[in-house]
Amino acid sequence: NTLASSVYTKGWCAVCWSGNEGRDYVLRRVLRRAVRYGREVLGGQEGFFAQLVGVVVRTFGEAYPELAKHQSKIHAVISEEEASFSRTLGKGIERFKKLAAAAQGGVISGPEAFQLWDSFGFPVDLTQLMAEEHGLRVDAAGFEQAMQEAREKSRAAGKKSGVSNWIFSTAMH
């Protein structure tokens, strides 16, 4: 169900998706959570998620003809996002495991959660889910503070160089 819902959601919106803001980023978060679950819990290999597109189209295509009409684009968008996240997923999981083992008072610190987002592409809700699976929690306020500090640092660097920094202005968490 988790994977089918994610493919369905992603497929439904992939026709006009590929951004880093608002609902586009929500979709990216949904996909990344599903990819991580499929890999870690179900033992799927890279590309497994994109292979589910055909199943979803066969299941929902009659009710939602847009899925069938845009199946190749949906497959391409999901394949690219899955491949992109896969490049950092394994290293991010290993880093998370180290953080979880060293967590003080059952908490992953905000700066550590931010590092998972910044370095490995782990949305904070994914880190929170993984923490819950390990009986831990994430310092959400500390994450927000680390995010804000990074934004301010980025803006200051952009002003010094005269170049607008778009990374933090478009990132959603």
C-alpha atoms as a PDB file:
ATOM      1  CA  ASN A   1       0.000   0.000   0.000  1.00  0.00           C
ATOM      2  CA  THR A   2       2.732   2.456   0.914  1.00  0.00           C
ATOM      3  CA  LEU A   3       4.542   1.963  -2.364  1.00  0.00           C
ATOM      4  CA  ALA A   4       1.407   1.837  -4.524  1.00  0.00           C
ATOM      5  CA  SER A   5       0.107   5.041  -2.943  1.00  0.00           C
ATOM      6  CA  SER A   6       3.437   6.728  -3.529  1.00  0.00           C
ATOM      7  CA  VAL A   7       3.639   5.665  -7.164  1.00  0.00           C
ATOM      8  CA  TYR A   8       0.031   6.703  -7.680  1.00  0.00           C
ATOM      9  CA  THR A   9       0.605  10.106  -6.049  1.00  0.00           C
ATOM     10  CA  LYS A  10       3.828  10.637  -7.920  1.00  0.00           C
ATOM     11  CA  GLY A  11       2.376   9.456 -11.197  1.00  0.00           C
ATOM     12  CA  TRP A  12      -0.676  11.629 -10.873  1.00  0.00           C
ATOM     13  CA  CYS A  13       1.458  14.712 -10.454  1.00  0.00           C
ATOM     14  CA  ALA A  14       4.525  13.824 -12.516  1.00  0.00           C
ATOM     15  CA  VAL A  15       2.912  15.172 -15.650  1.00  0.00           C
ATOM     16  CA  CYS A  16       3.676  18.701 -14.472  1.00  0.00           C
ATOM     17  CA  TRP A  17       6.260  17.978 -11.767  1.00  0.00           C
ATOM     18  CA  SER A  18       9.911  18.578 -11.446  1.00  0.00           C
ATOM     19  CA  GLY A  19      10.507  21.394  -9.070  1.00  0.00           C
ATOM     20  CA  ASN A  20      11.885  22.123  -5.656  1.00  0.00           C
ATOM     21  CA  GLU A  21       9.073  24.169  -4.153  1.00  0.00           C
ATOM     22  CA  GLY A  22       5.650  23.698  -2.580  1.00  0.00           C
ATOM     23  CA  ARG A  23       3.713  20.687  -3.806  1.00  0.00           C
ATOM     24  CA  ASP A  24       6.604  19.612  -6.026  1.00  0.00           C
ATOM     25  CA  TYR A  25       8.834  19.261  -2.979  1.00  0.00           C
ATOM     26  CA  VAL A  26       6.064  17.444  -1.094  1.00  0.00           C
ATOM     27  CA  LEU A  27       6.004  14.912  -3.929  1.00  0.00           C
ATOM     28  CA  ARG A  28       9.783  14.564  -3.771  1.00  0.00           C
ATOM     29  CA  ARG A  29       9.510  13.886  -0.034  1.00  0.00           C
ATOM     30  CA  VAL A  30       6.807  11.243  -0.600  1.00  0.00           C
ATOM     31  CA  LEU A  31       8.957   9.508  -3.184  1.00  0.00           C
ATOM     32  CA  ARG A  32      12.106   9.619  -1.063  1.00  0.00           C
ATOM     33  CA  ARG A  33      10.290   8.119   1.908  1.00  0.00           C
ATOM     34  CA  ALA A  34       8.911   5.335  -0.280  1.00  0.00           C
ATOM     35  CA  VAL A  35      12.295   4.645  -1.902  1.00  0.00           C
ATOM     36  CA  ARG A  36      13.978   4.421   1.497  1.00  0.00           C
ATOM     37  CA  TYR A  37      11.228   2.100   2.780  1.00  0.00           C
ATOM     38  CA  GLY A  38      11.422  -0.092  -0.302  1.00  0.00           C
ATOM     39  CA  ARG A  39      15.179  -0.385  -0.045  1.00  0.00           C
ATOM     40  CA  GLU A  40      15.602  -0.814   3.696  1.00  0.00           C
ATOM     41  CA  VAL A  41      12.448  -2.678   4.651  1.00  0.00           C
ATOM     42  CA  LEU A  42      11.528  -4.571   1.477  1.00  0.00           C
ATOM     43  CA  GLY A  43      15.047  -5.089   0.121  1.00  0.00           C
ATOM     44  CA  GLY A  44      14.301  -3.530  -3.274  1.00  0.00           C
ATOM     45  CA  GLN A  45      17.120  -2.584  -5.623  1.00  0.00           C
ATOM     46  CA  GLU A  46      17.605   0.731  -7.400  1.00  0.00           C
ATOM     47  CA  GLY A  47      14.948   1.112 -10.065  1.00  0.00           C
ATOM     48  CA  PHE A  48      12.338  -1.020  -8.292  1.00  0.00           C
ATOM     49  CA  PHE A  49      10.097   1.958  -7.665  1.00  0.00           C
ATOM     50  CA  ALA A  50       9.966   3.077 -11.284  1.00  0.00           C
ATOM     51  CA  GLN A  51       9.059  -0.501 -12.236  1.00  0.00           C
ATOM     52  CA  LEU A  52       5.820  -0.088 -10.292  1.00  0.00           C
ATOM     53  CA  VAL A  53       4.562   2.600 -12.687  1.00  0.00           C
ATOM     54  CA  GLY A  54       3.122   0.022 -15.085  1.00  0.00           C
ATOM     55  CA  VAL A  55       1.230  -1.708 -12.284  1.00  0.00           C
ATOM     56  CA  VAL A  56      -0.246   1.571 -11.101  1.00  0.00           C
ATOM     57  CA  VAL A  57      -1.228   2.570 -14.633  1.00  0.00           C
ATOM     58  CA  ARG A  58      -2.917  -0.799 -15.197  1.00  0.00           C
ATOM     59  CA  THR A  59      -4.714  -0.497 -11.855  1.00  0.00           C
ATOM     60  CA  PHE A  60      -5.797   3.156 -12.043  1.00  0.00           C
ATOM     61  CA  GLY A  61      -5.449   4.009 -15.736  1.00  0.00           C
ATOM     62  CA  GLU A  62      -9.091   3.464 -16.612  1.00  0.00           C
ATOM     63  CA  ALA A  63     -10.303   5.774 -13.860  1.00  0.00           C
ATOM     64  CA  TYR A  64      -7.490   8.269 -14.454  1.00  0.00           C
ATOM     65  CA  PRO A  65      -6.639   8.253 -18.174  1.00  0.00           C
ATOM     66  CA  GLU A  66      -3.939  10.902 -17.621  1.00  0.00           C
ATOM     67  CA  LEU A  67      -1.808   8.190 -16.049  1.00  0.00           C
ATOM     68  CA  ALA A  68      -1.924   6.017 -19.163  1.00  0.00           C
ATOM     69  CA  LYS A  69      -1.534   8.986 -21.479  1.00  0.00           C
ATOM     70  CA  HIS A  70       1.648  10.153 -19.733  1.00  0.00           C
ATOM     71  CA  GLN A  71       3.033   6.794 -18.591  1.00  0.00           C
ATOM     72  CA  SER A  72       6.434   7.260 -20.237  1.00  0.00           C
ATOM     73  CA  LYS A  73       6.895  10.745 -18.749  1.00  0.00           C
ATOM     74  CA  ILE A  74       5.801   9.512 -15.312  1.00  0.00           C
ATOM     75  CA  HIS A  75       8.272   6.631 -15.559  1.00  0.00           C
ATOM     76  CA  ALA A  76      11.076   8.987 -16.625  1.00  0.00           C
ATOM     77  CA  VAL A  77      10.428  11.484 -13.805  1.00  0.00           C
ATOM     78  CA  ILE A  78      10.224   8.779 -11.142  1.00  0.00           C
ATOM     79  CA  SER A  79      13.299   6.990 -12.527  1.00  0.00           C
ATOM     80  CA  GLU A  80      15.359  10.188 -12.448  1.00  0.00           C
ATOM     81  CA  GLU A  81      14.308  11.129  -8.930  1.00  0.00           C
ATOM     82  CA  GLU A  82      14.887   7.593  -7.672  1.00  0.00           C
ATOM     83  CA  ALA A  83      18.357   7.513  -9.267  1.00  0.00           C
ATOM     84  CA  SER A  84      19.187  10.955  -7.897  1.00  0.00           C
ATOM     85  CA  PHE A  85      18.237  10.039  -4.341  1.00  0.00           C
ATOM     86  CA  SER A  86      19.895   6.629  -4.641  1.00  0.00           C
ATOM     87  CA  ARG A  87      23.281   8.275  -5.125  1.00  0.00           C
ATOM     88  CA  THR A  88      23.213   9.461  -1.506  1.00  0.00           C
ATOM     89  CA  LEU A  89      20.726   7.091   0.161  1.00  0.00           C
ATOM     90  CA  GLY A  90      23.164   4.405   1.289  1.00  0.00           C
ATOM     91  CA  LYS A  91      25.657   6.862   2.733  1.00  0.00           C
ATOM     92  CA  GLY A  92      22.837   8.784   4.412  1.00  0.00           C
ATOM     93  CA  ILE A  93      21.443   5.639   6.022  1.00  0.00           C
ATOM     94  CA  GLU A  94      24.888   4.748   7.323  1.00  0.00           C
ATOM     95  CA  ARG A  95      25.313   8.265   8.720  1.00  0.00           C
ATOM     96  CA  PHE A  96      21.871   8.085  10.329  1.00  0.00           C
ATOM     97  CA  LYS A  97      22.731   4.750  11.980  1.00  0.00           C
ATOM     98  CA  LYS A  98      25.878   6.274  13.481  1.00  0.00           C
ATOM     99  CA  LEU A  99      23.900   9.275  14.732  1.00  0.00           C
ATOM    100  CA  ALA A 100      21.213   7.008  16.185  1.00  0.00           C
ATOM    101  CA  ALA A 101      23.786   4.886  18.008  1.00  0.00           C
ATOM    102  CA  ALA A 102      25.385   7.996  19.515  1.00  0.00           C
ATOM    103  CA  ALA A 103      22.133   9.886  20.243  1.00  0.00           C
ATOM    104  CA  GLN A 104      22.154  11.588  23.620  1.00  0.00           C
ATOM    105  CA  GLY A 105      18.913  11.292  25.598  1.00  0.00           C
ATOM    106  CA  GLY A 106      17.137   9.592  22.703  1.00  0.00           C
ATOM    107  CA  VAL A 107      17.393  12.677  20.478  1.00  0.00           C
ATOM    108  CA  ILE A 108      18.956  13.299  17.076  1.00  0.00           C
ATOM    109  CA  SER A 109      20.109  16.905  17.326  1.00  0.00           C
ATOM    110  CA  GLY A 110      18.821  19.596  14.996  1.00  0.00           C
ATOM    111  CA  PRO A 111      22.237  20.225  13.417  1.00  0.00           C
ATOM    112  CA  GLU A 112      22.634  16.475  12.804  1.00  0.00           C
ATOM    113  CA  ALA A 113      19.185  16.286  11.162  1.00  0.00           C
ATOM    114  CA  PHE A 114      20.132  19.320   9.089  1.00  0.00           C
ATOM    115  CA  GLN A 115      23.332  17.588   7.976  1.00  0.00           C
ATOM    116  CA  LEU A 116      21.258  14.618   6.774  1.00  0.00           C
ATOM    117  CA  TRP A 117      19.113  17.029   4.756  1.00  0.00           C
ATOM    118  CA  ASP A 118      21.969  19.147   3.458  1.00  0.00           C
ATOM    119  CA  SER A 119      24.464  16.389   2.657  1.00  0.00           C
ATOM    120  CA  PHE A 120      22.269  13.401   1.840  1.00  0.00           C
ATOM    121  CA  GLY A 121      18.934  14.859   0.728  1.00  0.00           C
ATOM    122  CA  PHE A 122      16.985  13.418   3.660  1.00  0.00           C
ATOM    123  CA  PRO A 123      13.895  15.559   4.259  1.00  0.00           C
ATOM    124  CA  VAL A 124      13.458  16.153   7.983  1.00  0.00           C
ATOM    125  CA  ASP A 125      10.236  14.124   8.011  1.00  0.00           C
ATOM    126  CA  LEU A 126      12.204  11.126   6.692  1.00  0.00           C
ATOM    127  CA  THR A 127      14.767  11.583   9.455  1.00  0.00           C
ATOM    128  CA  GLN A 128      11.933  11.845  11.989  1.00  0.00           C
ATOM    129  CA  LEU A 129      10.358   8.636  10.681  1.00  0.00           C
ATOM    130  CA  MET A 130      13.666   6.789  10.854  1.00  0.00           C
ATOM    131  CA  ALA A 131      14.271   8.148  14.353  1.00  0.00           C
ATOM    132  CA  GLU A 132      10.843   6.900  15.483  1.00  0.00           C
ATOM    133  CA  GLU A 133      11.673   3.468  14.082  1.00  0.00           C
ATOM    134  CA  HIS A 134      14.714   3.474  16.378  1.00  0.00           C
ATOM    135  CA  GLY A 135      12.825   4.766  19.430  1.00  0.00           C
ATOM    136  CA  LEU A 136      14.330   8.235  19.021  1.00  0.00           C
ATOM    137  CA  ARG A 137      13.099  11.694  18.176  1.00  0.00           C
ATOM    138  CA  VAL A 138      14.509  14.647  16.232  1.00  0.00           C
ATOM    139  CA  ASP A 139      15.063  18.089  17.720  1.00  0.00           C
ATOM    140  CA  ALA A 140      12.793  19.858  15.199  1.00  0.00           C
ATOM    141  CA  ALA A 141      13.413  23.305  16.681  1.00  0.00           C
ATOM    142  CA  GLY A 142      17.161  22.726  16.415  1.00  0.00           C
ATOM    143  CA  PHE A 143      16.706  21.628  12.796  1.00  0.00           C
ATOM    144  CA  GLU A 144      14.785  24.828  12.035  1.00  0.00           C
ATOM    145  CA  GLN A 145      17.501  26.891  13.703  1.00  0.00           C
ATOM    146  CA  ALA A 146      20.246  25.147  11.713  1.00  0.00           C
ATOM    147  CA  MET A 147      18.230  25.674   8.526  1.00  0.00           C
ATOM    148  CA  GLN A 148      17.769  29.368   9.292  1.00  0.00           C
ATOM    149  CA  GLU A 149      21.464  29.811  10.057  1.00  0.00           C
ATOM    150  CA  ALA A 150      22.374  28.156   6.758  1.00  0.00           C
ATOM    151  CA  ARG A 151      19.938  30.417   4.894  1.00  0.00           C
ATOM    152  CA  GLU A 152      21.414  33.519   6.518  1.00  0.00           C
ATOM    153  CA  LYS A 153      24.950  32.367   5.757  1.00  0.00           C
ATOM    154  CA  SER A 154      23.957  31.666   2.166  1.00  0.00           C
ATOM    155  CA  ARG A 155      22.308  35.076   1.764  1.00  0.00           C
ATOM    156  CA  ALA A 156      25.349  36.832   3.236  1.00  0.00           C
ATOM    157  CA  ALA A 157      27.668  34.946   0.877  1.00  0.00           C
ATOM    158  CA  GLY A 158      25.397  35.809  -2.050  1.00  0.00           C
ATOM    159  CA  LYS A 159      25.445  39.487  -1.156  1.00  0.00           C
ATOM    160  CA  LYS A 160      29.250  39.498  -0.840  1.00  0.00           C
ATOM    161  CA  SER A 161      29.705  37.879  -4.235  1.00  0.00           C
ATOM    162  CA  GLY A 162      26.873  39.767  -5.877  1.00  0.00           C
ATOM    163  CA  VAL A 163      25.299  36.475  -6.858  1.00  0.00           C
ATOM    164  CA  SER A 164      21.829  35.504  -5.749  1.00  0.00           C
ATOM    165  CA  ASN A 165      21.793  32.155  -4.004  1.00  0.00           C
ATOM    166  CA  TRP A 166      18.688  30.261  -5.022  1.00  0.00           C
ATOM    167  CA  ILE A 167      19.311  27.003  -3.167  1.00  0.00           C
ATOM    168  CA  PHE A 168      17.870  27.992   0.201  1.00  0.00           C
ATOM    169  CA  SER A 169      15.288  30.324  -1.266  1.00  0.00           C
ATOM    170  CA  THR A 170      13.694  27.401  -3.123  1.00  0.00           C
ATOM    171  CA  ALA A 171      14.235  24.628  -0.584  1.00  0.00           C
ATOM    172  CA  MET A 172      11.235  23.551   1.417  1.00  0.00           C
ATOM    173  CA  HIS A 173      11.398  21.414   4.515  1.00  0.00           C
END
